[in-house]
Amino acid sequence: ELISSAIGDLVQGIYYENSKSSEENCLTDDIGMSRWKEQV
């Protein structure tokens, strides 16, 4: 269950990376940092 969920997280993370616009990629405030930590 743990490793299967990790595979699911990887898929979601890569999808998240590829779907973000360049503006959302900028870490300008705490919200931006939260998004970065979630994605990473």
PDB file of all heavy atoms in Angstrom:
ATOM      1  N   GLU A   1       0.831  -1.215   0.000  1.00  0.00           N
ATOM      2  CA  GLU A   1       0.000   0.000   0.000  1.00  0.00           C
ATOM      3  C   GLU A   1       0.861   1.259   0.000  1.00  0.00           C
ATOM      4  O   GLU A   1       0.596   2.214  -0.746  1.00  0.00           O
ATOM      5  CB  GLU A   1      -0.907  -0.018   1.237  1.00  0.00           C
ATOM      6  CG  GLU A   1      -1.852   1.168   1.321  1.00  0.00           C
ATOM      7  CD  GLU A   1      -2.701   1.150   2.586  1.00  0.00           C
ATOM      8  OE1 GLU A   1      -2.766   0.096   3.248  1.00  0.00           O
ATOM      9  OE2 GLU A   1      -3.271   2.196   2.906  1.00  0.00           O
ATOM     10  N   LEU A   2       1.929   1.266   0.816  1.00  0.00           N
ATOM     11  CA  LEU A   2       2.808   2.434   0.894  1.00  0.00           C
ATOM     12  C   LEU A   2       3.490   2.722  -0.440  1.00  0.00           C
ATOM     13  O   LEU A   2       3.477   3.860  -0.936  1.00  0.00           O
ATOM     14  CB  LEU A   2       3.876   2.199   1.972  1.00  0.00           C
ATOM     15  CG  LEU A   2       3.498   2.492   3.424  1.00  0.00           C
ATOM     16  CD1 LEU A   2       4.563   1.956   4.368  1.00  0.00           C
ATOM     17  CD2 LEU A   2       3.307   3.993   3.629  1.00  0.00           C
ATOM     18  N   ILE A   3       4.099   1.689  -1.031  1.00  0.00           N
ATOM     19  CA  ILE A   3       4.850   1.896  -2.270  1.00  0.00           C
ATOM     20  C   ILE A   3       3.908   2.191  -3.434  1.00  0.00           C
ATOM     21  O   ILE A   3       4.223   3.003  -4.312  1.00  0.00           O
ATOM     22  CB  ILE A   3       5.752   0.683  -2.577  1.00  0.00           C
ATOM     23  CG1 ILE A   3       6.696   0.402  -1.391  1.00  0.00           C
ATOM     24  CG2 ILE A   3       6.563   0.922  -3.844  1.00  0.00           C
ATOM     25  CD1 ILE A   3       7.580   1.574  -0.998  1.00  0.00           C
ATOM     26  N   SER A   4       2.738   1.557  -3.441  1.00  0.00           N
ATOM     27  CA  SER A   4       1.755   1.842  -4.495  1.00  0.00           C
ATOM     28  C   SER A   4       1.308   3.304  -4.432  1.00  0.00           C
ATOM     29  O   SER A   4       1.164   3.966  -5.459  1.00  0.00           O
ATOM     30  CB  SER A   4       0.539   0.928  -4.353  1.00  0.00           C
ATOM     31  OG  SER A   4       0.905  -0.425  -4.497  1.00  0.00           O
ATOM     32  N   SER A   5       1.101   3.804  -3.205  1.00  0.00           N
ATOM     33  CA  SER A   5       0.700   5.204  -3.067  1.00  0.00           C
ATOM     34  C   SER A   5       1.833   6.145  -3.483  1.00  0.00           C
ATOM     35  O   SER A   5       1.576   7.239  -4.014  1.00  0.00           O
ATOM     36  CB  SER A   5       0.269   5.501  -1.623  1.00  0.00           C
ATOM     37  OG  SER A   5       1.357   5.402  -0.736  1.00  0.00           O
ATOM     38  N   ALA A   6       3.090   5.716  -3.274  1.00  0.00           N
ATOM     39  CA  ALA A   6       4.234   6.531  -3.703  1.00  0.00           C
ATOM     40  C   ALA A   6       4.280   6.627  -5.228  1.00  0.00           C
ATOM     41  O   ALA A   6       4.604   7.689  -5.784  1.00  0.00           O
ATOM     42  CB  ALA A   6       5.536   5.933  -3.170  1.00  0.00           C
ATOM     43  N   ILE A   7       3.960   5.515  -5.922  1.00  0.00           N
ATOM     44  CA  ILE A   7       3.903   5.539  -7.385  1.00  0.00           C
ATOM     45  C   ILE A   7       2.813   6.512  -7.835  1.00  0.00           C
ATOM     46  O   ILE A   7       3.004   7.310  -8.764  1.00  0.00           O
ATOM     47  CB  ILE A   7       3.643   4.127  -7.948  1.00  0.00           C
ATOM     48  CG1 ILE A   7       4.848   3.218  -7.661  1.00  0.00           C
ATOM     49  CG2 ILE A   7       3.365   4.178  -9.455  1.00  0.00           C
ATOM     50  CD1 ILE A   7       4.625   1.753  -8.019  1.00  0.00           C
ATOM     51  N   GLY A   8       1.664   6.475  -7.149  1.00  0.00           N
ATOM     52  CA  GLY A   8       0.587   7.414  -7.456  1.00  0.00           C
ATOM     53  C   GLY A   8       1.011   8.853  -7.240  1.00  0.00           C
ATOM     54  O   GLY A   8       0.682   9.742  -8.046  1.00  0.00           O
ATOM     55  N   ASP A   9       1.768   9.103  -6.156  1.00  0.00           N
ATOM     56  CA  ASP A   9       2.266  10.457  -5.886  1.00  0.00           C
ATOM     57  C   ASP A   9       3.208  10.919  -6.998  1.00  0.00           C
ATOM     58  O   ASP A   9       3.157  12.087  -7.413  1.00  0.00           O
ATOM     59  CB  ASP A   9       3.012  10.486  -4.547  1.00  0.00           C
ATOM     60  CG  ASP A   9       2.081  10.316  -3.356  1.00  0.00           C
ATOM     61  OD1 ASP A   9       0.882  10.609  -3.498  1.00  0.00           O
ATOM     62  OD2 ASP A   9       2.560   9.877  -2.293  1.00  0.00           O
ATOM     63  N   LEU A  10       4.073  10.022  -7.466  1.00  0.00           N
ATOM     64  CA  LEU A  10       4.998  10.367  -8.550  1.00  0.00           C
ATOM     65  C   LEU A  10       4.248  10.791  -9.803  1.00  0.00           C
ATOM     66  O   LEU A  10       4.583  11.802 -10.434  1.00  0.00           O
ATOM     67  CB  LEU A  10       5.902   9.165  -8.868  1.00  0.00           C
ATOM     68  CG  LEU A  10       7.159   8.995  -8.029  1.00  0.00           C
ATOM     69  CD1 LEU A  10       7.771   7.628  -8.270  1.00  0.00           C
ATOM     70  CD2 LEU A  10       8.172  10.074  -8.352  1.00  0.00           C
ATOM     71  N   VAL A  11       3.243  10.011 -10.165  1.00  0.00           N
ATOM     72  CA  VAL A  11       2.447  10.341 -11.358  1.00  0.00           C
ATOM     73  C   VAL A  11       1.794  11.709 -11.198  1.00  0.00           C
ATOM     74  O   VAL A  11       1.840  12.556 -12.100  1.00  0.00           O
ATOM     75  CB  VAL A  11       1.370   9.258 -11.607  1.00  0.00           C
ATOM     76  CG1 VAL A  11       0.438   9.676 -12.741  1.00  0.00           C
ATOM     77  CG2 VAL A  11       2.033   7.920 -11.937  1.00  0.00           C
ATOM     78  N   GLN A  12       1.192  11.937 -10.028  1.00  0.00           N
ATOM     79  CA  GLN A  12       0.515  13.205  -9.763  1.00  0.00           C
ATOM     80  C   GLN A  12       1.512  14.363  -9.784  1.00  0.00           C
ATOM     81  O   GLN A  12       1.224  15.434 -10.318  1.00  0.00           O
ATOM     82  CB  GLN A  12      -0.189  13.140  -8.409  1.00  0.00           C
ATOM     83  CG  GLN A  12      -1.081  14.346  -8.118  1.00  0.00           C
ATOM     84  CD  GLN A  12      -1.786  14.224  -6.776  1.00  0.00           C
ATOM     85  OE1 GLN A  12      -1.861  13.138  -6.199  1.00  0.00           O
ATOM     86  NE2 GLN A  12      -2.302  15.325  -6.268  1.00  0.00           N
ATOM     87  N   GLY A  13       2.696  14.143  -9.205  1.00  0.00           N
ATOM     88  CA  GLY A  13       3.710  15.190  -9.153  1.00  0.00           C
ATOM     89  C   GLY A  13       4.216  15.583 -10.529  1.00  0.00           C
ATOM     90  O   GLY A  13       4.394  16.772 -10.824  1.00  0.00           O
ATOM     91  N   ILE A  14       4.441  14.596 -11.390  1.00  0.00           N
ATOM     92  CA  ILE A  14       4.924  14.885 -12.747  1.00  0.00           C
ATOM     93  C   ILE A  14       3.839  15.599 -13.552  1.00  0.00           C
ATOM     94  O   ILE A  14       4.107  16.541 -14.300  1.00  0.00           O
ATOM     95  CB  ILE A  14       5.375  13.580 -13.445  1.00  0.00           C
ATOM     96  CG1 ILE A  14       6.630  13.037 -12.740  1.00  0.00           C
ATOM     97  CG2 ILE A  14       5.666  13.824 -14.918  1.00  0.00           C
ATOM     98  CD1 ILE A  14       7.020  11.644 -13.145  1.00  0.00           C
ATOM     99  N   TYR A  15       2.588  15.173 -13.372  1.00  0.00           N
ATOM    100  CA  TYR A  15       1.467  15.842 -14.041  1.00  0.00           C
ATOM    101  C   TYR A  15       1.380  17.287 -13.566  1.00  0.00           C
ATOM    102  O   TYR A  15       1.188  18.217 -14.349  1.00  0.00           O
ATOM    103  CB  TYR A  15       0.160  15.104 -13.753  1.00  0.00           C
ATOM    104  CG  TYR A  15      -1.062  15.783 -14.346  1.00  0.00           C
ATOM    105  CD1 TYR A  15      -1.393  15.622 -15.692  1.00  0.00           C
ATOM    106  CD2 TYR A  15      -1.868  16.602 -13.554  1.00  0.00           C
ATOM    107  CE1 TYR A  15      -2.492  16.255 -16.233  1.00  0.00           C
ATOM    108  CE2 TYR A  15      -2.971  17.242 -14.094  1.00  0.00           C
ATOM    109  CZ  TYR A  15      -3.282  17.066 -15.426  1.00  0.00           C
ATOM    110  OH  TYR A  15      -4.362  17.688 -15.963  1.00  0.00           O
ATOM    111  N   TYR A  16       1.558  17.496 -12.272  1.00  0.00           N
ATOM    112  CA  TYR A  16       1.494  18.828 -11.669  1.00  0.00           C
ATOM    113  C   TYR A  16       2.594  19.719 -12.233  1.00  0.00           C
ATOM    114  O   TYR A  16       2.375  20.883 -12.569  1.00  0.00           O
ATOM    115  CB  TYR A  16       1.623  18.675 -10.155  1.00  0.00           C
ATOM    116  CG  TYR A  16       1.411  19.932  -9.350  1.00  0.00           C
ATOM    117  CD1 TYR A  16       0.218  20.638  -9.434  1.00  0.00           C
ATOM    118  CD2 TYR A  16       2.391  20.397  -8.475  1.00  0.00           C
ATOM    119  CE1 TYR A  16       0.010  21.783  -8.676  1.00  0.00           C
ATOM    120  CE2 TYR A  16       2.185  21.544  -7.712  1.00  0.00           C
ATOM    121  CZ  TYR A  16       0.998  22.230  -7.822  1.00  0.00           C
ATOM    122  OH  TYR A  16       0.797  23.362  -7.076  1.00  0.00           O
ATOM    123  N   GLU A  17       3.819  19.165 -12.357  1.00  0.00           N
ATOM    124  CA  GLU A  17       4.953  19.902 -12.922  1.00  0.00           C
ATOM    125  C   GLU A  17       4.661  20.370 -14.344  1.00  0.00           C
ATOM    126  O   GLU A  17       4.916  21.506 -14.716  1.00  0.00           O
ATOM    127  CB  GLU A  17       6.198  19.014 -12.954  1.00  0.00           C
ATOM    128  CG  GLU A  17       6.972  18.952 -11.670  1.00  0.00           C
ATOM    129  CD  GLU A  17       8.222  18.106 -11.821  1.00  0.00           C
ATOM    130  OE1 GLU A  17       8.463  17.569 -12.924  1.00  0.00           O
ATOM    131  OE2 GLU A  17       8.947  17.966 -10.830  1.00  0.00           O
ATOM    132  N   ASN A  18       4.132  19.457 -15.152  1.00  0.00           N
ATOM    133  CA  ASN A  18       3.935  19.743 -16.571  1.00  0.00           C
ATOM    134  C   ASN A  18       2.729  20.630 -16.846  1.00  0.00           C
ATOM    135  O   ASN A  18       2.622  21.201 -17.933  1.00  0.00           O
ATOM    136  CB  ASN A  18       3.782  18.428 -17.350  1.00  0.00           C
ATOM    137  CG  ASN A  18       5.059  17.620 -17.339  1.00  0.00           C
ATOM    138  OD1 ASN A  18       6.139  18.171 -17.184  1.00  0.00           O
ATOM    139  ND2 ASN A  18       4.953  16.315 -17.480  1.00  0.00           N
ATOM    140  N   SER A  19       1.800  20.729 -15.896  1.00  0.00           N
ATOM    141  CA  SER A  19       0.587  21.497 -16.136  1.00  0.00           C
ATOM    142  C   SER A  19       0.680  22.923 -15.607  1.00  0.00           C
ATOM    143  O   SER A  19      -0.178  23.749 -15.885  1.00  0.00           O
ATOM    144  CB  SER A  19      -0.622  20.802 -15.486  1.00  0.00           C
ATOM    145  OG  SER A  19      -0.459  20.749 -14.082  1.00  0.00           O
ATOM    146  N   LYS A  20       1.737  23.242 -14.846  1.00  0.00           N
ATOM    147  CA  LYS A  20       1.854  24.576 -14.260  1.00  0.00           C
ATOM    148  C   LYS A  20       2.334  25.585 -15.289  1.00  0.00           C
ATOM    149  O   LYS A  20       3.128  25.269 -16.158  1.00  0.00           O
ATOM    150  CB  LYS A  20       2.856  24.569 -13.103  1.00  0.00           C
ATOM    151  CG  LYS A  20       2.327  23.908 -11.859  1.00  0.00           C
ATOM    152  CD  LYS A  20       3.120  24.343 -10.644  1.00  0.00           C
ATOM    153  CE  LYS A  20       4.606  24.298 -10.882  1.00  0.00           C
ATOM    154  NZ  LYS A  20       5.357  24.814  -9.749  1.00  0.00           N
ATOM    155  N   SER A  21       1.854  26.817 -15.176  1.00  0.00           N
ATOM    156  CA  SER A  21       2.336  27.901 -16.027  1.00  0.00           C
ATOM    157  C   SER A  21       3.625  28.461 -15.428  1.00  0.00           C
ATOM    158  O   SER A  21       3.940  28.221 -14.266  1.00  0.00           O
ATOM    159  CB  SER A  21       1.294  29.013 -16.125  1.00  0.00           C
ATOM    160  OG  SER A  21       1.108  29.615 -14.853  1.00  0.00           O
ATOM    161  N   SER A  22       4.370  29.228 -16.218  1.00  0.00           N
ATOM    162  CA  SER A  22       5.642  29.776 -15.744  1.00  0.00           C
ATOM    163  C   SER A  22       5.428  30.749 -14.583  1.00  0.00           C
ATOM    164  O   SER A  22       6.277  30.887 -13.701  1.00  0.00           O
ATOM    165  CB  SER A  22       6.375  30.478 -16.886  1.00  0.00           C
ATOM    166  OG  SER A  22       5.557  31.501 -17.434  1.00  0.00           O
ATOM    167  N   GLU A  23       4.264  31.449 -14.565  1.00  0.00           N
ATOM    168  CA  GLU A  23       3.981  32.375 -13.479  1.00  0.00           C
ATOM    169  C   GLU A  23       3.853  31.627 -12.152  1.00  0.00           C
ATOM    170  O   GLU A  23       4.321  32.077 -11.112  1.00  0.00           O
ATOM    171  CB  GLU A  23       2.689  33.152 -13.749  1.00  0.00           C
ATOM    172  CG  GLU A  23       2.788  34.158 -14.888  1.00  0.00           C
ATOM    173  CD  GLU A  23       2.658  33.513 -16.244  1.00  0.00           C
ATOM    174  OE1 GLU A  23       2.233  32.343 -16.298  1.00  0.00           O
ATOM    175  OE2 GLU A  23       3.004  34.166 -17.250  1.00  0.00           O
ATOM    176  N   GLU A  24       3.212  30.459 -12.190  1.00  0.00           N
ATOM    177  CA  GLU A  24       3.005  29.698 -10.963  1.00  0.00           C
ATOM    178  C   GLU A  24       4.299  29.096 -10.444  1.00  0.00           C
ATOM    179  O   GLU A  24       4.378  28.671  -9.310  1.00  0.00           O
ATOM    180  CB  GLU A  24       1.989  28.566 -11.218  1.00  0.00           C
ATOM    181  CG  GLU A  24       0.559  29.047 -11.381  1.00  0.00           C
ATOM    182  CD  GLU A  24      -0.370  27.881 -11.681  1.00  0.00           C
ATOM    183  OE1 GLU A  24      -0.005  27.058 -12.541  1.00  0.00           O
ATOM    184  OE2 GLU A  24      -1.442  27.809 -11.082  1.00  0.00           O
ATOM    185  N   ASN A  25       5.318  29.063 -11.308  1.00  0.00           N
ATOM    186  CA  ASN A  25       6.589  28.444 -10.944  1.00  0.00           C
ATOM    187  C   ASN A  25       7.454  29.380 -10.095  1.00  0.00           C
ATOM    188  O   ASN A  25       8.477  28.974  -9.581  1.00  0.00           O
ATOM    189  CB  ASN A  25       7.336  28.041 -12.212  1.00  0.00           C
ATOM    190  CG  ASN A  25       8.260  26.870 -11.967  1.00  0.00           C
ATOM    191  OD1 ASN A  25       8.048  26.089 -11.049  1.00  0.00           O
ATOM    192  ND2 ASN A  25       9.294  26.752 -12.777  1.00  0.00           N
ATOM    193  N   CYS A  26       7.061  30.668 -10.000  1.00  0.00           N
ATOM    194  CA  CYS A  26       7.849  31.639  -9.253  1.00  0.00           C
ATOM    195  C   CYS A  26       7.520  31.561  -7.759  1.00  0.00           C
ATOM    196  O   CYS A  26       6.356  31.563  -7.381  1.00  0.00           O
ATOM    197  CB  CYS A  26       7.567  33.053  -9.766  1.00  0.00           C
ATOM    198  SG  CYS A  26       8.001  33.281 -11.502  1.00  0.00           S
ATOM    199  N   LEU A  27       8.564  31.522  -6.936  1.00  0.00           N
ATOM    200  CA  LEU A  27       8.361  31.487  -5.488  1.00  0.00           C
ATOM    201  C   LEU A  27       8.462  32.917  -4.955  1.00  0.00           C
ATOM    202  O   LEU A  27       9.544  33.410  -4.655  1.00  0.00           O
ATOM    203  CB  LEU A  27       9.413  30.588  -4.834  1.00  0.00           C
ATOM    204  CG  LEU A  27       9.422  29.128  -5.282  1.00  0.00           C
ATOM    205  CD1 LEU A  27      10.522  28.360  -4.571  1.00  0.00           C
ATOM    206  CD2 LEU A  27       8.082  28.473  -5.021  1.00  0.00           C
ATOM    207  N   THR A  28       7.315  33.597  -4.896  1.00  0.00           N
ATOM    208  CA  THR A  28       7.321  34.999  -4.498  1.00  0.00           C
ATOM    209  C   THR A  28       6.806  35.216  -3.078  1.00  0.00           C
ATOM    210  O   THR A  28       7.013  36.263  -2.510  1.00  0.00           O
ATOM    211  CB  THR A  28       6.456  35.823  -5.470  1.00  0.00           C
ATOM    212  OG1 THR A  28       5.153  35.233  -5.526  1.00  0.00           O
ATOM    213  CG2 THR A  28       7.068  35.831  -6.861  1.00  0.00           C
ATOM    214  N   ASP A  29       6.093  34.248  -2.533  1.00  0.00           N
ATOM    215  CA  ASP A  29       5.539  34.417  -1.188  1.00  0.00           C
ATOM    216  C   ASP A  29       5.385  33.049  -0.530  1.00  0.00           C
ATOM    217  O   ASP A  29       5.796  32.032  -1.079  1.00  0.00           O
ATOM    218  CB  ASP A  29       4.185  35.128  -1.246  1.00  0.00           C
ATOM    219  CG  ASP A  29       3.228  34.460  -2.235  1.00  0.00           C
ATOM    220  OD1 ASP A  29       3.342  33.235  -2.426  1.00  0.00           O
ATOM    221  OD2 ASP A  29       2.380  35.163  -2.799  1.00  0.00           O
ATOM    222  N   ASP A  30       4.795  33.060   0.660  1.00  0.00           N
ATOM    223  CA  ASP A  30       4.662  31.813   1.406  1.00  0.00           C
ATOM    224  C   ASP A  30       3.753  30.812   0.700  1.00  0.00           C
ATOM    225  O   ASP A  30       3.953  29.611   0.790  1.00  0.00           O
ATOM    226  CB  ASP A  30       4.128  32.106   2.810  1.00  0.00           C
ATOM    227  CG  ASP A  30       4.174  30.875   3.700  1.00  0.00           C
ATOM    228  OD1 ASP A  30       5.251  30.272   3.783  1.00  0.00           O
ATOM    229  OD2 ASP A  30       3.154  30.532   4.304  1.00  0.00           O
ATOM    230  N   ILE A  31       2.746  31.326  -0.008  1.00  0.00           N
ATOM    231  CA  ILE A  31       1.851  30.429  -0.747  1.00  0.00           C
ATOM    232  C   ILE A  31       2.629  29.720  -1.852  1.00  0.00           C
ATOM    233  O   ILE A  31       2.490  28.524  -2.087  1.00  0.00           O
ATOM    234  CB  ILE A  31       0.661  31.230  -1.334  1.00  0.00           C
ATOM    235  CG1 ILE A  31      -0.196  31.811  -0.199  1.00  0.00           C
ATOM    236  CG2 ILE A  31      -0.191  30.346  -2.232  1.00  0.00           C
ATOM    237  CD1 ILE A  31      -1.308  32.730  -0.659  1.00  0.00           C
ATOM    238  N   GLY A  32       3.493  30.486  -2.514  1.00  0.00           N
ATOM    239  CA  GLY A  32       4.329  29.888  -3.561  1.00  0.00           C
ATOM    240  C   GLY A  32       5.241  28.804  -3.003  1.00  0.00           C
ATOM    241  O   GLY A  32       5.412  27.754  -3.605  1.00  0.00           O
ATOM    242  N   MET A  33       5.803  29.043  -1.815  1.00  0.00           N
ATOM    243  CA  MET A  33       6.664  28.048  -1.174  1.00  0.00           C
ATOM    244  C   MET A  33       5.874  26.796  -0.809  1.00  0.00           C
ATOM    245  O   MET A  33       6.354  25.674  -0.950  1.00  0.00           O
ATOM    246  CB  MET A  33       7.316  28.653   0.076  1.00  0.00           C
ATOM    247  CG  MET A  33       8.251  27.710   0.808  1.00  0.00           C
ATOM    248  SD  MET A  33       9.619  27.126  -0.249  1.00  0.00           S
ATOM    249  CE  MET A  33      10.630  28.599  -0.323  1.00  0.00           C
ATOM    250  N   SER A  34       4.629  26.996  -0.334  1.00  0.00           N
ATOM    251  CA  SER A  34       3.783  25.846   0.013  1.00  0.00           C
ATOM    252  C   SER A  34       3.528  24.983  -1.209  1.00  0.00           C
ATOM    253  O   SER A  34       3.564  23.753  -1.133  1.00  0.00           O
ATOM    254  CB  SER A  34       2.452  26.330   0.596  1.00  0.00           C
ATOM    255  OG  SER A  34       2.670  27.054   1.781  1.00  0.00           O
ATOM    256  N   ARG A  35       3.249  25.647  -2.325  1.00  0.00           N
ATOM    257  CA  ARG A  35       3.011  24.906  -3.566  1.00  0.00           C
ATOM    258  C   ARG A  35       4.264  24.149  -3.986  1.00  0.00           C
ATOM    259  O   ARG A  35       4.198  23.000  -4.427  1.00  0.00           O
ATOM    260  CB  ARG A  35       2.598  25.868  -4.696  1.00  0.00           C
ATOM    261  CG  ARG A  35       1.160  26.362  -4.573  1.00  0.00           C
ATOM    262  CD  ARG A  35       0.862  27.331  -5.695  1.00  0.00           C
ATOM    263  NE  ARG A  35      -0.492  27.850  -5.602  1.00  0.00           N
ATOM    264  CZ  ARG A  35      -0.936  28.891  -6.298  1.00  0.00           C
ATOM    265  NH1 ARG A  35      -0.110  29.519  -7.108  1.00  0.00           N
ATOM    266  NH2 ARG A  35      -2.182  29.301  -6.169  1.00  0.00           N
ATOM    267  N   TRP A  36       5.425  24.808  -3.838  1.00  0.00           N
ATOM    268  CA  TRP A  36       6.688  24.163  -4.224  1.00  0.00           C
ATOM    269  C   TRP A  36       6.929  22.927  -3.370  1.00  0.00           C
ATOM    270  O   TRP A  36       7.291  21.869  -3.880  1.00  0.00           O
ATOM    271  CB  TRP A  36       7.843  25.152  -4.052  1.00  0.00           C
ATOM    272  CG  TRP A  36       9.180  24.565  -4.411  1.00  0.00           C
ATOM    273  CD1 TRP A  36       9.749  24.503  -5.651  1.00  0.00           C
ATOM    274  CD2 TRP A  36      10.108  23.930  -3.516  1.00  0.00           C
ATOM    275  NE1 TRP A  36      10.968  23.862  -5.578  1.00  0.00           N
ATOM    276  CE2 TRP A  36      11.211  23.508  -4.289  1.00  0.00           C
ATOM    277  CE3 TRP A  36      10.103  23.682  -2.142  1.00  0.00           C
ATOM    278  CZ2 TRP A  36      12.297  22.859  -3.728  1.00  0.00           C
ATOM    279  CZ3 TRP A  36      11.191  23.034  -1.593  1.00  0.00           C
ATOM    280  CH2 TRP A  36      12.283  22.636  -2.380  1.00  0.00           C
ATOM    281  N   LYS A  37       6.708  23.046  -2.070  1.00  0.00           N
ATOM    282  CA  LYS A  37       6.924  21.910  -1.157  1.00  0.00           C
ATOM    283  C   LYS A  37       5.972  20.765  -1.480  1.00  0.00           C
ATOM    284  O   LYS A  37       6.367  19.592  -1.457  1.00  0.00           O
ATOM    285  CB  LYS A  37       6.736  22.369   0.288  1.00  0.00           C
ATOM    286  CG  LYS A  37       7.896  23.204   0.812  1.00  0.00           C
ATOM    287  CD  LYS A  37       7.544  23.952   2.071  1.00  0.00           C
ATOM    288  CE  LYS A  37       7.451  23.052   3.277  1.00  0.00           C
ATOM    289  NZ  LYS A  37       7.237  23.844   4.517  1.00  0.00           N
ATOM    290  N   GLU A  38       4.731  21.108  -1.820  1.00  0.00           N
ATOM    291  CA  GLU A  38       3.757  20.075  -2.171  1.00  0.00           C
ATOM    292  C   GLU A  38       4.182  19.340  -3.440  1.00  0.00           C
ATOM    293  O   GLU A  38       4.149  18.112  -3.511  1.00  0.00           O
ATOM    294  CB  GLU A  38       2.379  20.715  -2.375  1.00  0.00           C
ATOM    295  CG  GLU A  38       1.289  19.714  -2.775  1.00  0.00           C
ATOM    296  CD  GLU A  38      -0.013  20.391  -3.153  1.00  0.00           C
ATOM    297  OE1 GLU A  38      -0.115  21.629  -3.076  1.00  0.00           O
ATOM    298  OE2 GLU A  38      -0.945  19.663  -3.557  1.00  0.00           O
ATOM    299  N   GLN A  39       4.614  20.124  -4.446  1.00  0.00           N
ATOM    300  CA  GLN A  39       5.016  19.523  -5.711  1.00  0.00           C
ATOM    301  C   GLN A  39       6.263  18.656  -5.554  1.00  0.00           C
ATOM    302  O   GLN A  39       6.328  17.541  -6.083  1.00  0.00           O
ATOM    303  CB  GLN A  39       5.283  20.616  -6.745  1.00  0.00           C
ATOM    304  CG  GLN A  39       5.735  20.070  -8.100  1.00  0.00           C
ATOM    305  CD  GLN A  39       6.497  21.100  -8.911  1.00  0.00           C
ATOM    306  OE1 GLN A  39       6.067  22.239  -8.998  1.00  0.00           O
ATOM    307  NE2 GLN A  39       7.617  20.696  -9.490  1.00  0.00           N
ATOM    308  N   VAL A  40       7.249  19.172  -4.820  1.00  0.00           N
ATOM    309  CA  VAL A  40       8.503  18.427  -4.637  1.00  0.00           C
ATOM    310  C   VAL A  40       8.258  17.153  -3.827  1.00  0.00           C
ATOM    311  O   VAL A  40       8.852  16.109  -4.101  1.00  0.00           O
ATOM    312  CB  VAL A  40       9.575  19.311  -3.965  1.00  0.00           C
ATOM    313  CG1 VAL A  40      10.781  18.483  -3.540  1.00  0.00           C
ATOM    314  CG2 VAL A  40      10.015  20.406  -4.919  1.00  0.00           C
TER     315      VAL A  40
END
